[in-house]
Amino acid sequence: MLALYIIGGIILFIAILLHCPVRAKISYIDKQFDLSVKYLFFTLYPLKQKEQPEETEEQQGGEEKTEEPPKEEQPTEEQSEPPQIPVKEKKKKEKLTAEEKEERKKELLEKIELVKIILKSASKGLKKLLSAIKIYDIAVDIDVADEDACNAAINYGRMNAAVYNFISFLRTFFTISIEHINISCIYNSNESKYNAACNIHAIPSTILSAALIIGTKFLFLYQKKKRADKKALKKLQKELKKQAVKA
């Protein structure tokens, strides 16, 4: 019984950890981008770097002077001439390049088929994955400036349309909340300012379950395609054998 209690306690502890969100803070203020990621009481990014000890004057003075490497000899006229490739080798290279092109085409088609399978398998899992990510406390402060009043007004309208359309686009995928959006128009100036910040949090358990759904569906579709390809190959081989017997 004690072993069962210990195992149950470990599973419960892991479940609690997986339900604790990972929090990220993103900001772009005064032309400086900043990102910090935290989980519980731990900072995942940026990691603290160890301070390196400063070199003393004795250590700096005691460094040995490195000798300059010997200068390389310049190639002669005979050495600088590129070797001539015979005609037969050139033809072989041309044939190899043609074969390589066919192989590359096959590889490209295989990659396209693989991408199609990934997209099919990611439909349900992607919805679950996006539901695990929330964007909140969105703060936007933009000053649209131009010396020409007409251009400033036009840019102000374009900026409003771009910001609000982008937010409505985010709403279709994520759960978001807005702290404030301030867009102002400044005339007789060329100094536009763009400041923005937001917080993001994601639940690890939902992300893992979404990845599991995508992975299992991908394996199922991939194995199904392989079986279909094998059947098609066997059918083609049988037809070729029948044509050879008739001939």
Protein backbone atom coordinates (compact mmCIF):
# COMPACT_ATOMS: atom_id res chain seq x y z
CA MET A 1 0.00 0.00 0.00
CA LEU A 2 2.83 2.40 0.81
CA ALA A 3 4.26 1.95 -2.69
CA LEU A 4 0.85 2.79 -4.22
CA TYR A 5 0.59 5.95 -2.10
CA ILE A 6 4.08 7.02 -3.20
CA ILE A 7 3.30 6.37 -6.88
CA GLY A 8 -0.03 8.19 -6.56
CA GLY A 9 1.68 11.14 -4.87
CA ILE A 10 4.29 11.35 -7.65
CA ILE A 11 1.60 11.24 -10.37
CA LEU A 12 -0.40 13.95 -8.56
CA PHE A 13 2.70 16.13 -8.19
CA ILE A 14 3.54 15.77 -11.91
CA ALA A 15 -0.09 16.55 -12.84
CA ILE A 16 0.01 19.74 -10.73
CA LEU A 17 3.29 20.80 -12.35
CA LEU A 18 1.90 20.20 -15.85
CA HIS A 19 -1.14 22.36 -15.07
CA CYS A 20 0.98 25.31 -13.87
CA PRO A 21 1.32 27.77 -16.77
CA VAL A 22 4.55 28.92 -18.39
CA ARG A 23 4.56 32.73 -18.46
CA ALA A 24 6.34 34.92 -20.99
CA LYS A 25 6.62 38.70 -21.14
CA ILE A 26 7.39 40.36 -24.49
CA SER A 27 8.06 44.07 -24.93
CA TYR A 28 9.40 46.46 -27.55
CA ILE A 29 10.04 49.81 -25.90
CA ASP A 30 12.35 52.59 -27.13
CA LYS A 31 13.62 50.38 -29.98
CA GLN A 32 14.67 47.63 -27.56
CA PHE A 33 13.23 44.13 -27.66
CA ASP A 34 12.94 42.24 -24.37
CA LEU A 35 11.78 38.68 -23.66
CA SER A 36 11.52 36.85 -20.34
CA VAL A 37 10.10 33.37 -19.71
CA LYS A 38 9.23 32.06 -16.24
CA TYR A 39 7.84 28.80 -14.87
CA LEU A 40 6.70 28.88 -11.25
CA PHE A 41 9.61 30.53 -9.39
CA PHE A 42 12.23 29.71 -12.04
CA THR A 43 13.44 31.98 -14.82
CA LEU A 44 13.86 29.94 -18.00
CA TYR A 45 14.99 32.88 -20.15
CA PRO A 46 17.20 34.88 -20.03
CA LEU A 47 19.61 32.66 -18.15
CA LYS A 48 21.96 34.32 -15.68
CA GLN A 49 25.53 34.37 -16.95
CA LYS A 50 28.42 33.74 -14.60
CA GLU A 51 30.65 36.74 -14.04
CA GLN A 52 34.13 36.13 -15.44
CA PRO A 53 37.05 37.20 -13.22
CA GLU A 54 38.93 40.25 -14.47
CA GLU A 55 42.52 39.72 -15.59
CA THR A 56 45.19 41.33 -13.43
CA GLU A 57 48.01 43.47 -14.80
CA GLU A 58 50.55 40.69 -14.12
CA GLN A 59 48.48 38.17 -16.10
CA GLN A 60 48.07 40.63 -18.98
CA GLY A 61 51.80 41.44 -19.00
CA GLY A 62 52.84 37.80 -18.75
CA GLU A 63 51.13 36.79 -21.98
CA GLU A 64 53.58 35.56 -24.56
CA LYS A 65 53.68 37.29 -27.90
CA THR A 66 52.49 35.07 -30.68
CA GLU A 67 54.79 34.72 -33.64
CA GLU A 68 53.51 35.79 -37.02
CA PRO A 69 52.79 32.85 -39.33
CA PRO A 70 55.09 32.51 -42.35
CA LYS A 71 53.84 34.13 -45.50
CA GLU A 72 52.43 31.74 -48.05
CA GLU A 73 54.25 31.49 -51.34
CA GLN A 74 52.37 32.96 -54.24
CA PRO A 75 51.45 30.39 -56.89
CA THR A 76 53.37 30.47 -60.14
CA GLU A 77 51.72 30.91 -63.54
CA GLU A 78 51.72 27.15 -64.16
CA GLN A 79 50.12 26.44 -60.76
CA SER A 80 47.49 29.20 -61.10
CA GLU A 81 46.05 27.77 -64.34
CA PRO A 82 42.98 25.59 -63.65
CA PRO A 83 43.27 21.95 -64.74
CA GLN A 84 41.52 21.17 -68.00
CA ILE A 85 38.70 18.62 -67.75
CA PRO A 86 38.55 16.13 -70.60
CA VAL A 87 35.44 16.00 -72.79
CA LYS A 88 34.45 12.46 -71.61
CA GLU A 89 34.49 13.53 -67.94
CA LYS A 90 32.38 16.59 -68.80
CA LYS A 91 29.73 14.36 -70.42
CA LYS A 92 29.73 12.08 -67.37
CA LYS A 93 29.20 15.11 -65.11
CA GLU A 94 26.30 16.27 -67.29
CA LYS A 95 24.68 12.81 -67.02
CA LEU A 96 25.18 12.81 -63.24
CA THR A 97 23.56 16.23 -62.94
CA ALA A 98 20.53 15.01 -64.89
CA GLU A 99 20.21 12.00 -62.57
CA GLU A 100 20.63 14.25 -59.56
CA LYS A 101 17.81 16.49 -60.85
CA GLU A 102 15.46 13.50 -61.08
CA GLU A 103 16.39 12.42 -57.54
CA ARG A 104 15.81 15.94 -56.27
CA LYS A 105 12.39 15.99 -57.92
CA LYS A 106 11.49 12.72 -56.22
CA GLU A 107 12.72 14.04 -52.88
CA LEU A 108 10.69 17.24 -53.36
CA LEU A 109 7.52 15.27 -54.15
CA GLU A 110 8.06 13.09 -51.07
CA LYS A 111 8.50 16.21 -48.92
CA ILE A 112 5.29 17.72 -50.34
CA GLU A 113 3.38 14.52 -49.51
CA LEU A 114 4.87 14.57 -46.00
CA VAL A 115 3.76 18.19 -45.51
CA LYS A 116 0.24 17.26 -46.65
CA ILE A 117 0.12 14.44 -44.09
CA ILE A 118 1.36 16.79 -41.33
CA LEU A 119 -1.32 19.38 -42.19
CA LYS A 120 -4.06 16.74 -42.15
CA SER A 121 -2.88 15.33 -38.83
CA ALA A 122 -2.50 18.78 -37.21
CA SER A 123 -6.08 19.98 -37.76
CA LYS A 124 -7.58 18.85 -34.41
CA GLY A 125 -4.37 19.01 -32.39
CA LEU A 126 -3.64 22.55 -33.57
CA LYS A 127 -6.97 23.81 -32.23
CA LYS A 128 -6.21 22.24 -28.86
CA LEU A 129 -2.70 23.70 -28.93
CA LEU A 130 -3.95 27.23 -29.64
CA SER A 131 -6.52 26.92 -26.84
CA ALA A 132 -3.62 26.41 -24.39
CA ILE A 133 -2.04 29.78 -25.27
CA LYS A 134 -3.47 33.02 -23.89
CA ILE A 135 -2.30 36.56 -24.65
CA TYR A 136 -3.27 39.20 -22.12
CA ASP A 137 -2.44 42.75 -20.96
CA ILE A 138 -1.72 43.92 -24.52
CA ALA A 139 -0.44 47.49 -24.34
CA VAL A 140 0.24 49.52 -27.49
CA ASP A 141 1.52 53.13 -27.63
CA ILE A 142 2.23 54.50 -31.11
CA ASP A 143 3.02 58.07 -32.19
CA VAL A 144 2.65 58.48 -35.96
CA ALA A 145 4.66 61.53 -37.05
CA ASP A 146 5.29 63.32 -40.35
CA GLU A 147 6.29 66.85 -41.31
CA ASP A 148 3.52 66.90 -43.92
CA ALA A 149 0.13 67.08 -42.17
CA CYS A 150 -1.62 65.25 -45.00
CA ASN A 151 0.85 62.31 -44.91
CA ALA A 152 0.65 62.20 -41.11
CA ALA A 153 -3.15 61.89 -41.23
CA ILE A 154 -2.97 59.16 -43.92
CA ASN A 155 -0.35 57.18 -41.97
CA TYR A 156 -2.42 57.59 -38.80
CA GLY A 157 -5.44 56.00 -40.50
CA ARG A 158 -3.33 53.17 -41.94
CA MET A 159 -1.78 52.45 -38.56
CA ASN A 160 -5.18 52.25 -36.85
CA ALA A 161 -6.44 49.84 -39.50
CA ALA A 162 -3.30 47.67 -39.27
CA VAL A 163 -3.31 47.44 -35.45
CA TYR A 164 -7.01 46.68 -35.03
CA ASN A 165 -7.07 44.21 -37.94
CA PHE A 166 -4.08 42.40 -36.42
CA ILE A 167 -5.81 42.17 -33.03
CA SER A 168 -9.00 40.83 -34.63
CA PHE A 169 -6.82 38.26 -36.44
CA LEU A 170 -5.31 37.17 -33.11
CA ARG A 171 -8.78 36.82 -31.60
CA THR A 172 -9.66 34.12 -34.15
CA PHE A 173 -6.89 31.87 -32.76
CA PHE A 174 -6.11 32.92 -29.18
CA THR A 175 -7.87 34.17 -26.06
CA ILE A 176 -6.65 37.74 -25.65
CA SER A 177 -7.27 40.73 -23.37
CA ILE A 178 -6.25 44.35 -24.00
CA GLU A 179 -4.94 46.77 -21.39
CA HIS A 180 -4.86 49.82 -23.68
CA ILE A 181 -4.23 50.93 -27.26
CA ASN A 182 -3.11 54.54 -27.77
CA ILE A 183 -2.39 55.70 -31.32
CA SER A 184 -1.77 59.41 -31.77
CA CYS A 185 -0.92 61.64 -34.73
CA ILE A 186 1.94 64.16 -34.45
CA TYR A 187 2.41 66.90 -37.06
CA ASN A 188 5.59 68.76 -38.02
CA SER A 189 7.85 65.97 -36.79
CA ASN A 190 9.65 62.92 -38.22
CA GLU A 191 10.15 61.04 -34.93
CA SER A 192 7.58 58.24 -34.87
CA LYS A 193 7.51 56.03 -31.78
CA TYR A 194 6.39 52.41 -31.53
CA ASN A 195 6.04 50.82 -28.10
CA ALA A 196 4.20 47.58 -27.33
CA ALA A 197 4.10 44.89 -24.63
CA CYS A 198 2.09 41.81 -23.74
CA ASN A 199 2.06 38.77 -21.47
CA ILE A 200 1.63 35.19 -22.72
CA HIS A 201 0.94 32.07 -20.74
CA ALA A 202 0.62 28.48 -21.91
CA ILE A 203 -0.44 25.32 -20.05
CA PRO A 204 2.09 22.48 -20.56
CA SER A 205 -0.48 19.67 -20.10
CA THR A 206 -2.66 20.96 -22.96
CA ILE A 207 0.40 21.42 -25.18
CA LEU A 208 1.53 17.84 -24.49
CA SER A 209 -1.92 16.41 -25.18
CA ALA A 210 -2.11 18.39 -28.45
CA ALA A 211 1.35 17.11 -29.47
CA LEU A 212 0.21 13.55 -28.65
CA ILE A 213 -2.92 13.93 -30.81
CA ILE A 214 -0.88 15.32 -33.73
CA GLY A 215 1.79 12.59 -33.38
CA THR A 216 -0.63 9.64 -33.25
CA LYS A 217 -2.71 10.93 -36.19
CA PHE A 218 0.45 11.58 -38.20
CA LEU A 219 1.70 8.01 -37.63
CA PHE A 220 -1.71 6.60 -38.58
CA LEU A 221 -1.89 8.60 -41.84
CA TYR A 222 1.77 7.90 -42.67
CA GLN A 223 1.34 4.13 -42.22
CA LYS A 224 -1.88 4.26 -44.25
CA LYS A 225 -0.05 6.00 -47.11
CA LYS A 226 2.79 3.45 -47.00
CA ARG A 227 0.31 0.57 -47.21
CA ALA A 228 -1.46 2.25 -50.15
CA ASP A 229 1.88 2.76 -51.94
CA LYS A 230 2.81 -0.92 -51.44
CA LYS A 231 -0.55 -2.05 -52.85
CA ALA A 232 -0.16 0.22 -55.87
CA LEU A 233 3.38 -1.10 -56.46
CA LYS A 234 2.25 -4.75 -56.25
CA LYS A 235 -0.62 -4.04 -58.66
CA LEU A 236 1.77 -2.42 -61.12
CA GLN A 237 4.18 -5.35 -60.91
CA LYS A 238 1.35 -7.83 -61.62
CA GLU A 239 0.23 -5.86 -64.67
CA LEU A 240 3.81 -5.77 -65.99
CA LYS A 241 4.13 -9.55 -65.53
CA LYS A 242 0.85 -10.12 -67.42
CA GLN A 243 2.03 -7.92 -70.30
CA ALA A 244 5.38 -9.79 -70.39
CA VAL A 245 3.58 -13.21 -70.55
CA LYS A 246 1.30 -12.03 -73.34
CA ALA A 247 4.29 -10.75 -75.32
